Amino acid sequence: GGTTYTFWGKGLSQGHSDAIRRIEGVADARQYTI
């Protein structure tokens, strides 16, 4: 019955960086979660 919170970072997200790199016109990318 309590409340759970999850925080990520600050750091590099592999999955989000990969998702950006799949966008047309992107040569490379890094994404940070803060």
PDB file of all heavy atoms in Angstrom:
ATOM      1  N   GLY A   1       0.793  -1.224   0.000  1.00  0.00           N
ATOM      2  CA  GLY A   1       0.000   0.000   0.000  1.00  0.00           C
ATOM      3  C   GLY A   1       0.819   1.264   0.000  1.00  0.00           C
ATOM      4  O   GLY A   1       0.259   2.370   0.027  1.00  0.00           O
ATOM      5  N   GLY A   2       2.139   1.118  -0.040  1.00  0.00           N
ATOM      6  CA  GLY A   2       2.997   2.287  -0.083  1.00  0.00           C
ATOM      7  C   GLY A   2       3.109   2.838  -1.494  1.00  0.00           C
ATOM      8  O   GLY A   2       2.382   2.458  -2.402  1.00  0.00           O
ATOM      9  N   THR A   3       4.061   3.743  -1.668  1.00  0.00           N
ATOM     10  CA  THR A   3       4.251   4.404  -2.963  1.00  0.00           C
ATOM     11  C   THR A   3       5.680   4.174  -3.428  1.00  0.00           C
ATOM     12  O   THR A   3       6.625   4.401  -2.669  1.00  0.00           O
ATOM     13  CB  THR A   3       3.981   5.914  -2.859  1.00  0.00           C
ATOM     14  OG1 THR A   3       2.676   6.116  -2.307  1.00  0.00           O
ATOM     15  CG2 THR A   3       4.054   6.567  -4.229  1.00  0.00           C
ATOM     16  N   THR A   4       5.835   3.722  -4.667  1.00  0.00           N
ATOM     17  CA  THR A   4       7.152   3.426  -5.221  1.00  0.00           C
ATOM     18  C   THR A   4       7.515   4.451  -6.283  1.00  0.00           C
ATOM     19  O   THR A   4       6.689   4.820  -7.119  1.00  0.00           O
ATOM     20  CB  THR A   4       7.187   2.018  -5.853  1.00  0.00           C
ATOM     21  OG1 THR A   4       6.823   1.055  -4.855  1.00  0.00           O
ATOM     22  CG2 THR A   4       8.572   1.690  -6.387  1.00  0.00           C
ATOM     23  N   TYR A   5       8.760   4.897  -6.234  1.00  0.00           N
ATOM     24  CA  TYR A   5       9.292   5.830  -7.219  1.00  0.00           C
ATOM     25  C   TYR A   5      10.591   5.272  -7.779  1.00  0.00           C
ATOM     26  O   TYR A   5      11.403   4.713  -7.039  1.00  0.00           O
ATOM     27  CB  TYR A   5       9.592   7.191  -6.581  1.00  0.00           C
ATOM     28  CG  TYR A   5       8.412   7.841  -5.893  1.00  0.00           C
ATOM     29  CD1 TYR A   5       8.159   7.590  -4.544  1.00  0.00           C
ATOM     30  CD2 TYR A   5       7.586   8.723  -6.577  1.00  0.00           C
ATOM     31  CE1 TYR A   5       7.081   8.199  -3.903  1.00  0.00           C
ATOM     32  CE2 TYR A   5       6.512   9.330  -5.940  1.00  0.00           C
ATOM     33  CZ  TYR A   5       6.264   9.069  -4.597  1.00  0.00           C
ATOM     34  OH  TYR A   5       5.204   9.663  -3.972  1.00  0.00           O
ATOM     35  N   THR A   6      10.784   5.442  -9.081  1.00  0.00           N
ATOM     36  CA  THR A   6      12.036   5.038  -9.709  1.00  0.00           C
ATOM     37  C   THR A   6      12.625   6.226 -10.454  1.00  0.00           C
ATOM     38  O   THR A   6      11.931   6.902 -11.216  1.00  0.00           O
ATOM     39  CB  THR A   6      11.813   3.880 -10.699  1.00  0.00           C
ATOM     40  OG1 THR A   6      11.192   2.793 -10.013  1.00  0.00           O
ATOM     41  CG2 THR A   6      13.145   3.402 -11.271  1.00  0.00           C
ATOM     42  N   PHE A   7      13.894   6.476 -10.198  1.00  0.00           N
ATOM     43  CA  PHE A   7      14.622   7.541 -10.890  1.00  0.00           C
ATOM     44  C   PHE A   7      15.826   6.932 -11.583  1.00  0.00           C
ATOM     45  O   PHE A   7      16.506   6.060 -11.021  1.00  0.00           O
ATOM     46  CB  PHE A   7      15.099   8.607  -9.898  1.00  0.00           C
ATOM     47  CG  PHE A   7      13.991   9.428  -9.301  1.00  0.00           C
ATOM     48  CD1 PHE A   7      13.302   8.969  -8.190  1.00  0.00           C
ATOM     49  CD2 PHE A   7      13.636  10.653  -9.830  1.00  0.00           C
ATOM     50  CE1 PHE A   7      12.272   9.709  -7.626  1.00  0.00           C
ATOM     51  CE2 PHE A   7      12.615  11.403  -9.283  1.00  0.00           C
ATOM     52  CZ  PHE A   7      11.926  10.931  -8.176  1.00  0.00           C
ATOM     53  N   TRP A   8      16.127   7.424 -12.790  1.00  0.00           N
ATOM     54  CA  TRP A   8      17.288   6.951 -13.530  1.00  0.00           C
ATOM     55  C   TRP A   8      18.234   8.113 -13.783  1.00  0.00           C
ATOM     56  O   TRP A   8      17.814   9.229 -14.064  1.00  0.00           O
ATOM     57  CB  TRP A   8      16.861   6.367 -14.878  1.00  0.00           C
ATOM     58  CG  TRP A   8      15.846   5.268 -14.764  1.00  0.00           C
ATOM     59  CD1 TRP A   8      16.055   3.982 -14.359  1.00  0.00           C
ATOM     60  CD2 TRP A   8      14.451   5.356 -15.058  1.00  0.00           C
ATOM     61  NE1 TRP A   8      14.888   3.270 -14.377  1.00  0.00           N
ATOM     62  CE2 TRP A   8      13.889   4.087 -14.811  1.00  0.00           C
ATOM     63  CE3 TRP A   8      13.633   6.382 -15.524  1.00  0.00           C
ATOM     64  CZ2 TRP A   8      12.540   3.816 -15.014  1.00  0.00           C
ATOM     65  CZ3 TRP A   8      12.291   6.122 -15.718  1.00  0.00           C
ATOM     66  CH2 TRP A   8      11.755   4.853 -15.462  1.00  0.00           C
ATOM     67  N   GLY A   9      19.526   7.826 -13.690  1.00  0.00           N
ATOM     68  CA  GLY A   9      20.537   8.813 -14.042  1.00  0.00           C
ATOM     69  C   GLY A   9      21.121   9.532 -12.841  1.00  0.00           C
ATOM     70  O   GLY A   9      20.866   9.149 -11.704  1.00  0.00           O
ATOM     71  N   LYS A  10      21.915  10.561 -13.124  1.00  0.00           N
ATOM     72  CA  LYS A  10      22.241  11.031 -14.456  1.00  0.00           C
ATOM     73  C   LYS A  10      23.152  10.031 -15.151  1.00  0.00           C
ATOM     74  O   LYS A  10      24.136   9.572 -14.554  1.00  0.00           O
ATOM     75  CB  LYS A  10      22.923  12.404 -14.395  1.00  0.00           C
ATOM     76  CG  LYS A  10      23.339  12.921 -15.754  1.00  0.00           C
ATOM     77  CD  LYS A  10      24.045  14.275 -15.663  1.00  0.00           C
ATOM     78  CE  LYS A  10      24.438  14.751 -17.070  1.00  0.00           C
ATOM     79  NZ  LYS A  10      25.127  16.058 -17.036  1.00  0.00           N
ATOM     80  N   GLY A  11      22.810   9.719 -16.404  1.00  0.00           N
ATOM     81  CA  GLY A  11      23.660   8.797 -17.109  1.00  0.00           C
ATOM     82  C   GLY A  11      23.216   8.543 -18.529  1.00  0.00           C
ATOM     83  O   GLY A  11      22.133   8.972 -18.959  1.00  0.00           O
ATOM     84  N   LEU A  12      24.078   7.835 -19.241  1.00  0.00           N
ATOM     85  CA  LEU A  12      23.824   7.502 -20.634  1.00  0.00           C
ATOM     86  C   LEU A  12      22.835   6.352 -20.730  1.00  0.00           C
ATOM     87  O   LEU A  12      23.022   5.318 -20.101  1.00  0.00           O
ATOM     88  CB  LEU A  12      25.140   7.106 -21.314  1.00  0.00           C
ATOM     89  CG  LEU A  12      25.018   6.666 -22.765  1.00  0.00           C
ATOM     90  CD1 LEU A  12      24.829   7.869 -23.661  1.00  0.00           C
ATOM     91  CD2 LEU A  12      26.244   5.874 -23.193  1.00  0.00           C
ATOM     92  N   SER A  13      21.798   6.539 -21.520  1.00  0.00           N
ATOM     93  CA  SER A  13      20.833   5.472 -21.775  1.00  0.00           C
ATOM     94  C   SER A  13      21.168   4.814 -23.103  1.00  0.00           C
ATOM     95  O   SER A  13      21.113   5.451 -24.158  1.00  0.00           O
ATOM     96  CB  SER A  13      19.412   6.027 -21.817  1.00  0.00           C
ATOM     97  OG  SER A  13      18.514   5.041 -22.291  1.00  0.00           O
ATOM     98  N   GLN A  14      21.510   3.514 -23.052  1.00  0.00           N
ATOM     99  CA  GLN A  14      21.842   2.792 -24.283  1.00  0.00           C
ATOM    100  C   GLN A  14      20.633   2.690 -25.204  1.00  0.00           C
ATOM    101  O   GLN A  14      20.725   2.928 -26.403  1.00  0.00           O
ATOM    102  CB  GLN A  14      22.315   1.377 -23.941  1.00  0.00           C
ATOM    103  CG  GLN A  14      23.571   1.316 -23.113  1.00  0.00           C
ATOM    104  CD  GLN A  14      23.885  -0.116 -22.740  1.00  0.00           C
ATOM    105  OE1 GLN A  14      24.710  -0.752 -23.356  1.00  0.00           O
ATOM    106  NE2 GLN A  14      23.209  -0.637 -21.721  1.00  0.00           N
ATOM    107  N   GLY A  15      19.477   2.283 -24.635  1.00  0.00           N
ATOM    108  CA  GLY A  15      18.297   2.068 -25.448  1.00  0.00           C
ATOM    109  C   GLY A  15      17.809   3.341 -26.113  1.00  0.00           C
ATOM    110  O   GLY A  15      17.429   3.340 -27.297  1.00  0.00           O
ATOM    111  N   HIS A  16      17.803   4.458 -25.369  1.00  0.00           N
ATOM    112  CA  HIS A  16      17.341   5.717 -25.938  1.00  0.00           C
ATOM    113  C   HIS A  16      18.325   6.254 -26.970  1.00  0.00           C
ATOM    114  O   HIS A  16      17.918   6.821 -27.989  1.00  0.00           O
ATOM    115  CB  HIS A  16      17.102   6.737 -24.828  1.00  0.00           C
ATOM    116  CG  HIS A  16      15.867   6.468 -24.026  1.00  0.00           C
ATOM    117  ND1 HIS A  16      15.766   5.409 -23.149  1.00  0.00           N
ATOM    118  CD2 HIS A  16      14.670   7.113 -23.983  1.00  0.00           C
ATOM    119  CE1 HIS A  16      14.557   5.420 -22.590  1.00  0.00           C
ATOM    120  NE2 HIS A  16      13.884   6.436 -23.082  1.00  0.00           N
ATOM    121  N   SER A  17      19.607   6.072 -26.706  1.00  0.00           N
ATOM    122  CA  SER A  17      20.609   6.495 -27.690  1.00  0.00           C
ATOM    123  C   SER A  17      20.451   5.698 -28.981  1.00  0.00           C
ATOM    124  O   SER A  17      20.520   6.249 -30.090  1.00  0.00           O
ATOM    125  CB  SER A  17      22.025   6.301 -27.123  1.00  0.00           C
ATOM    126  OG  SER A  17      22.230   7.095 -25.974  1.00  0.00           O
ATOM    127  N   ASP A  18      20.223   4.404 -28.839  1.00  0.00           N
ATOM    128  CA  ASP A  18      20.033   3.550 -30.007  1.00  0.00           C
ATOM    129  C   ASP A  18      18.786   3.962 -30.779  1.00  0.00           C
ATOM    130  O   ASP A  18      18.783   3.983 -32.015  1.00  0.00           O
ATOM    131  CB  ASP A  18      19.933   2.089 -29.569  1.00  0.00           C
ATOM    132  CG  ASP A  18      19.742   1.139 -30.736  1.00  0.00           C
ATOM    133  OD1 ASP A  18      20.651   1.014 -31.570  1.00  0.00           O
ATOM    134  OD2 ASP A  18      18.671   0.504 -30.823  1.00  0.00           O
ATOM    135  N   ALA A  19      17.723   4.307 -30.060  1.00  0.00           N
ATOM    136  CA  ALA A  19      16.486   4.725 -30.723  1.00  0.00           C
ATOM    137  C   ALA A  19      16.703   5.981 -31.550  1.00  0.00           C
ATOM    138  O   ALA A  19      16.165   6.118 -32.660  1.00  0.00           O
ATOM    139  CB  ALA A  19      15.392   4.952 -29.679  1.00  0.00           C
ATOM    140  N   ILE A  20      17.494   6.914 -31.043  1.00  0.00           N
ATOM    141  CA  ILE A  20      17.788   8.132 -31.806  1.00  0.00           C
ATOM    142  C   ILE A  20      18.606   7.797 -33.047  1.00  0.00           C
ATOM    143  O   ILE A  20      18.357   8.325 -34.138  1.00  0.00           O
ATOM    144  CB  ILE A  20      18.543   9.157 -30.935  1.00  0.00           C
ATOM    145  CG1 ILE A  20      17.680   9.614 -29.757  1.00  0.00           C
ATOM    146  CG2 ILE A  20      18.961  10.365 -31.768  1.00  0.00           C
ATOM    147  CD1 ILE A  20      18.415  10.491 -28.771  1.00  0.00           C
ATOM    148  N   ARG A  21      19.570   6.907 -32.898  1.00  0.00           N
ATOM    149  CA  ARG A  21      20.429   6.559 -34.036  1.00  0.00           C
ATOM    150  C   ARG A  21      19.658   5.895 -35.174  1.00  0.00           C
ATOM    151  O   ARG A  21      20.131   5.882 -36.308  1.00  0.00           O
ATOM    152  CB  ARG A  21      21.579   5.660 -33.569  1.00  0.00           C
ATOM    153  CG  ARG A  21      22.636   6.397 -32.764  1.00  0.00           C
ATOM    154  CD  ARG A  21      23.880   5.556 -32.583  1.00  0.00           C
ATOM    155  NE  ARG A  21      23.661   4.455 -31.653  1.00  0.00           N
ATOM    156  CZ  ARG A  21      23.903   4.503 -30.349  1.00  0.00           C
ATOM    157  NH1 ARG A  21      24.359   5.629 -29.796  1.00  0.00           N
ATOM    158  NH2 ARG A  21      23.689   3.445 -29.575  1.00  0.00           N
ATOM    159  N   ARG A  22      18.479   5.350 -34.870  1.00  0.00           N
ATOM    160  CA  ARG A  22      17.670   4.712 -35.906  1.00  0.00           C
ATOM    161  C   ARG A  22      16.857   5.730 -36.711  1.00  0.00           C
ATOM    162  O   ARG A  22      16.225   5.371 -37.700  1.00  0.00           O
ATOM    163  CB  ARG A  22      16.720   3.686 -35.280  1.00  0.00           C
ATOM    164  CG  ARG A  22      17.392   2.582 -34.472  1.00  0.00           C
ATOM    165  CD  ARG A  22      18.336   1.740 -35.311  1.00  0.00           C
ATOM    166  NE  ARG A  22      18.970   0.695 -34.522  1.00  0.00           N
ATOM    167  CZ  ARG A  22      18.639  -0.586 -34.593  1.00  0.00           C
ATOM    168  NH1 ARG A  22      17.670  -0.982 -35.390  1.00  0.00           N
ATOM    169  NH2 ARG A  22      19.280  -1.472 -33.852  1.00  0.00           N
ATOM    170  N   ILE A  23      16.850   6.996 -36.304  1.00  0.00           N
ATOM    171  CA  ILE A  23      16.093   8.023 -37.012  1.00  0.00           C
ATOM    172  C   ILE A  23      16.828   8.389 -38.309  1.00  0.00           C
ATOM    173  O   ILE A  23      18.047   8.548 -38.326  1.00  0.00           O
ATOM    174  CB  ILE A  23      15.908   9.271 -36.129  1.00  0.00           C
ATOM    175  CG1 ILE A  23      15.046   8.926 -34.897  1.00  0.00           C
ATOM    176  CG2 ILE A  23      15.274  10.416 -36.915  1.00  0.00           C
ATOM    177  CD1 ILE A  23      14.969  10.049 -33.889  1.00  0.00           C
ATOM    178  N   GLU A  24      16.073   8.538 -39.361  1.00  0.00           N
ATOM    179  CA  GLU A  24      16.659   8.916 -40.649  1.00  0.00           C
ATOM    180  C   GLU A  24      17.398  10.245 -40.527  1.00  0.00           C
ATOM    181  O   GLU A  24      16.872  11.215 -39.981  1.00  0.00           O
ATOM    182  CB  GLU A  24      15.567   9.017 -41.712  1.00  0.00           C
ATOM    183  CG  GLU A  24      16.096   9.331 -43.112  1.00  0.00           C
ATOM    184  CD  GLU A  24      14.998   9.388 -44.154  1.00  0.00           C
ATOM    185  OE1 GLU A  24      13.833   9.091 -43.798  1.00  0.00           O
ATOM    186  OE2 GLU A  24      15.311   9.727 -45.306  1.00  0.00           O
ATOM    187  N   GLY A  25      18.621  10.281 -41.023  1.00  0.00           N
ATOM    188  CA  GLY A  25      19.416  11.498 -40.994  1.00  0.00           C
ATOM    189  C   GLY A  25      20.347  11.616 -39.804  1.00  0.00           C
ATOM    190  O   GLY A  25      21.142  12.556 -39.726  1.00  0.00           O
ATOM    191  N   VAL A  26      20.275  10.659 -38.867  1.00  0.00           N
ATOM    192  CA  VAL A  26      21.144  10.684 -37.677  1.00  0.00           C
ATOM    193  C   VAL A  26      22.359   9.798 -37.928  1.00  0.00           C
ATOM    194  O   VAL A  26      22.229   8.608 -38.244  1.00  0.00           O
ATOM    195  CB  VAL A  26      20.391  10.214 -36.421  1.00  0.00           C
ATOM    196  CG1 VAL A  26      21.346  10.079 -35.246  1.00  0.00           C
ATOM    197  CG2 VAL A  26      19.269  11.189 -36.089  1.00  0.00           C
ATOM    198  N   ALA A  27      23.549  10.373 -37.772  1.00  0.00           N
ATOM    199  CA  ALA A  27      24.792   9.613 -37.932  1.00  0.00           C
ATOM    200  C   ALA A  27      25.220   8.979 -36.624  1.00  0.00           C
ATOM    201  O   ALA A  27      25.742   7.867 -36.598  1.00  0.00           O
ATOM    202  CB  ALA A  27      25.895  10.522 -38.471  1.00  0.00           C
ATOM    203  N   ASP A  28      25.002   9.675 -35.506  1.00  0.00           N
ATOM    204  CA  ASP A  28      25.392   9.158 -34.194  1.00  0.00           C
ATOM    205  C   ASP A  28      24.658   9.977 -33.136  1.00  0.00           C
ATOM    206  O   ASP A  28      24.186  11.088 -33.420  1.00  0.00           O
ATOM    207  CB  ASP A  28      26.909   9.256 -34.006  1.00  0.00           C
ATOM    208  CG  ASP A  28      27.450   8.260 -32.983  1.00  0.00           C
ATOM    209  OD1 ASP A  28      26.629   7.610 -32.299  1.00  0.00           O
ATOM    210  OD2 ASP A  28      28.684   8.130 -32.882  1.00  0.00           O
ATOM    211  N   ALA A  29      24.557   9.427 -31.922  1.00  0.00           N
ATOM    212  CA  ALA A  29      23.828  10.141 -30.877  1.00  0.00           C
ATOM    213  C   ALA A  29      24.115   9.545 -29.510  1.00  0.00           C
ATOM    214  O   ALA A  29      24.445   8.361 -29.378  1.00  0.00           O
ATOM    215  CB  ALA A  29      22.320  10.097 -31.143  1.00  0.00           C
ATOM    216  N   ARG A  30      23.972  10.391 -28.498  1.00  0.00           N
ATOM    217  CA  ARG A  30      24.009   9.965 -27.104  1.00  0.00           C
ATOM    218  C   ARG A  30      22.857  10.651 -26.378  1.00  0.00           C
ATOM    219  O   ARG A  30      22.573  11.825 -26.623  1.00  0.00           O
ATOM    220  CB  ARG A  30      25.330  10.355 -26.416  1.00  0.00           C
ATOM    221  CG  ARG A  30      26.580   9.816 -27.077  1.00  0.00           C
ATOM    222  CD  ARG A  30      26.755   8.321 -26.886  1.00  0.00           C
ATOM    223  NE  ARG A  30      28.047   7.887 -27.385  1.00  0.00           N
ATOM    224  CZ  ARG A  30      28.307   7.590 -28.659  1.00  0.00           C
ATOM    225  NH1 ARG A  30      27.340   7.686 -29.553  1.00  0.00           N
ATOM    226  NH2 ARG A  30      29.512   7.219 -29.041  1.00  0.00           N
ATOM    227  N   GLN A  31      22.211   9.903 -25.471  1.00  0.00           N
ATOM    228  CA  GLN A  31      21.094  10.472 -24.719  1.00  0.00           C
ATOM    229  C   GLN A  31      21.325  10.269 -23.233  1.00  0.00           C
ATOM    230  O   GLN A  31      21.641   9.167 -22.782  1.00  0.00           O
ATOM    231  CB  GLN A  31      19.774   9.829 -25.139  1.00  0.00           C
ATOM    232  CG  GLN A  31      18.543  10.487 -24.525  1.00  0.00           C
ATOM    233  CD  GLN A  31      18.150   9.900 -23.178  1.00  0.00           C
ATOM    234  OE1 GLN A  31      18.119   8.696 -23.007  1.00  0.00           O
ATOM    235  NE2 GLN A  31      17.864  10.755 -22.216  1.00  0.00           N
ATOM    236  N   TYR A  32      21.158  11.346 -22.461  1.00  0.00           N
ATOM    237  CA  TYR A  32      21.334  11.293 -21.015  1.00  0.00           C
ATOM    238  C   TYR A  32      19.983  11.468 -20.323  1.00  0.00           C
ATOM    239  O   TYR A  32      19.204  12.359 -20.667  1.00  0.00           O
ATOM    240  CB  TYR A  32      22.289  12.389 -20.546  1.00  0.00           C
ATOM    241  CG  TYR A  32      23.671  12.273 -21.128  1.00  0.00           C
ATOM    242  CD1 TYR A  32      24.023  12.987 -22.274  1.00  0.00           C
ATOM    243  CD2 TYR A  32      24.625  11.432 -20.556  1.00  0.00           C
ATOM    244  CE1 TYR A  32      25.284  12.872 -22.819  1.00  0.00           C
ATOM    245  CE2 TYR A  32      25.886  11.316 -21.097  1.00  0.00           C
ATOM    246  CZ  TYR A  32      26.213  12.036 -22.225  1.00  0.00           C
ATOM    247  OH  TYR A  32      27.466  11.922 -22.776  1.00  0.00           O
ATOM    248  N   THR A  33      19.745  10.612 -19.336  1.00  0.00           N
ATOM    249  CA  THR A  33      18.560  10.712 -18.498  1.00  0.00           C
ATOM    250  C   THR A  33      18.966  11.396 -17.199  1.00  0.00           C
ATOM    251  O   THR A  33      19.948  10.998 -16.565  1.00  0.00           O
ATOM    252  CB  THR A  33      17.983   9.322 -18.203  1.00  0.00           C
ATOM    253  OG1 THR A  33      17.720   8.653 -19.431  1.00  0.00           O
ATOM    254  CG2 THR A  33      16.702   9.424 -17.392  1.00  0.00           C
ATOM    255  N   ILE A  34      18.201  12.420 -16.801  1.00  0.00           N
ATOM    256  CA  ILE A  34      18.583  13.241 -15.655  1.00  0.00           C
ATOM    257  C   ILE A  34      17.411  13.318 -14.672  1.00  0.00           C
ATOM    258  O   ILE A  34      16.323  13.797 -15.035  1.00  0.00           O
ATOM    259  CB  ILE A  34      18.974  14.662 -16.102  1.00  0.00           C
ATOM    260  CG1 ILE A  34      20.086  14.589 -17.156  1.00  0.00           C
ATOM    261  CG2 ILE A  34      19.412  15.503 -14.905  1.00  0.00           C
ATOM    262  CD1 ILE A  34      20.343  15.903 -17.855  1.00  0.00           C
TER     263      ILE A  34
END
